[in-house]
Amino acid sequence: MSGETRGGGFLSGVLLGVLIGATLAIVLAPEGGEDLRETLRGKAREASGRARDAAADFAERAVVLAGDVKAGVDELYQRGRSMVDEVTTNGLDGVAGKE
């Protein structure tokens, strides 16, 4: 769950940075109107690519995390199943080691 929060925070940070950068570019740029628009288009494409890369990285990490969680759940299930089988076979005293 915390990976989702960090990934979402990162993406929000990227988008906020793009917005601040675009605003500063408009205010501080010594370029003419058409040149400025072309520069901003290029920066927007670049930022969009970075955001896509960040989203893909986040998705990849989520898949890995889901696999890890599934493996942990499977292991716990098997351990629980083993305990149930042991209780069924030996009774509660056998599980507690009181044989």
Protein backbone atom coordinates (compact mmCIF):
# COMPACT_ATOMS: atom_id res chain seq x y z
CA MET A 1 0.00 0.00 0.00
CA SER A 2 2.76 2.45 0.81
CA GLY A 3 4.19 1.87 -2.69
CA GLU A 4 0.96 3.23 -4.13
CA THR A 5 1.25 6.34 -2.00
CA ARG A 6 4.86 6.94 -2.98
CA GLY A 7 4.11 6.33 -6.67
CA GLY A 8 1.13 8.67 -6.61
CA GLY A 9 3.16 11.30 -4.77
CA PHE A 10 5.94 11.03 -7.30
CA LEU A 11 3.55 11.45 -10.22
CA SER A 12 1.90 14.41 -8.50
CA GLY A 13 5.33 15.93 -7.97
CA VAL A 14 6.23 15.48 -11.63
CA LEU A 15 3.00 17.13 -12.75
CA LEU A 16 3.44 19.99 -10.28
CA GLY A 17 7.02 20.48 -11.49
CA VAL A 18 5.85 20.62 -15.09
CA LEU A 19 3.22 23.22 -14.22
CA ILE A 20 5.70 25.38 -12.29
CA GLY A 21 8.31 25.02 -15.03
CA ALA A 22 5.86 26.02 -17.75
CA THR A 23 4.74 29.04 -15.76
CA LEU A 24 8.32 30.17 -15.15
CA ALA A 25 9.16 29.62 -18.80
CA ILE A 26 6.35 31.92 -19.87
CA VAL A 27 7.28 34.61 -17.36
CA LEU A 28 11.06 34.53 -17.77
CA ALA A 29 11.53 33.53 -21.41
CA PRO A 30 13.20 36.13 -23.66
CA GLU A 31 11.84 34.35 -26.76
CA GLY A 32 9.16 35.57 -29.12
CA GLY A 33 5.64 34.15 -29.05
CA GLU A 34 5.99 31.42 -31.70
CA ASP A 35 9.40 30.30 -30.43
CA LEU A 36 8.08 30.19 -26.89
CA ARG A 37 5.06 28.11 -27.91
CA GLU A 38 7.30 25.65 -29.74
CA THR A 39 9.62 25.40 -26.73
CA LEU A 40 6.65 24.83 -24.44
CA ARG A 41 5.26 22.15 -26.75
CA GLY A 42 8.62 20.38 -26.65
CA LYS A 43 8.82 20.62 -22.87
CA ALA A 44 5.24 19.35 -22.55
CA ARG A 45 6.06 16.34 -24.76
CA GLU A 46 9.17 15.68 -22.70
CA ALA A 47 7.25 15.93 -19.41
CA SER A 48 4.51 13.70 -20.80
CA GLY A 49 7.12 11.08 -21.68
CA ARG A 50 8.61 11.27 -18.20
CA ALA A 51 5.17 10.94 -16.64
CA ARG A 52 4.44 7.90 -18.83
CA ASP A 53 7.76 6.35 -17.82
CA ALA A 54 7.02 7.01 -14.14
CA ALA A 55 3.55 5.44 -14.49
CA ALA A 56 5.03 2.39 -16.24
CA ASP A 57 7.66 2.03 -13.51
CA PHE A 58 4.97 2.31 -10.85
CA ALA A 59 2.85 -0.33 -12.60
CA GLU A 60 5.83 -2.67 -12.87
CA ARG A 61 6.59 -2.28 -9.17
CA ALA A 62 2.93 -2.92 -8.34
CA VAL A 63 3.02 -6.18 -10.32
CA VAL A 64 6.16 -7.30 -8.47
CA LEU A 65 4.63 -6.37 -5.12
CA ALA A 66 1.42 -8.23 -5.97
CA GLY A 67 3.49 -11.32 -6.81
CA ASP A 68 5.32 -11.07 -3.49
CA VAL A 69 2.06 -10.70 -1.58
CA LYS A 70 0.55 -13.68 -3.42
CA ALA A 71 3.58 -15.81 -2.59
CA GLY A 72 3.28 -14.83 1.08
CA VAL A 73 -0.43 -15.61 1.14
CA ASP A 74 0.17 -18.96 -0.56
CA GLU A 75 2.82 -19.83 2.02
CA LEU A 76 0.52 -18.89 4.91
CA TYR A 77 -2.29 -20.90 3.35
CA GLN A 78 -0.05 -23.97 3.07
CA ARG A 79 1.11 -23.61 6.68
CA GLY A 80 -2.47 -23.27 7.88
CA ARG A 81 -3.56 -26.20 5.76
CA SER A 82 -0.74 -28.29 7.22
CA MET A 83 -1.83 -27.40 10.75
CA VAL A 84 -5.44 -28.34 9.97
CA ASP A 85 -4.29 -31.67 8.54
CA GLU A 86 -2.18 -32.30 11.63
CA VAL A 87 -5.08 -31.50 13.96
CA THR A 88 -7.34 -33.75 11.93
CA THR A 89 -4.82 -36.58 12.17
CA ASN A 90 -3.46 -36.17 15.72
CA GLY A 91 -5.97 -34.00 17.56
CA LEU A 92 -5.09 -30.76 19.35
CA ASP A 93 -2.60 -32.44 21.70
CA GLY A 94 -0.45 -33.52 18.75
CA VAL A 95 -0.16 -29.93 17.49
CA ALA A 96 0.78 -28.57 20.91
CA GLY A 97 3.50 -31.19 21.24
CA LYS A 98 1.85 -32.97 24.19
CA GLU A 99 1.99 -36.48 22.72
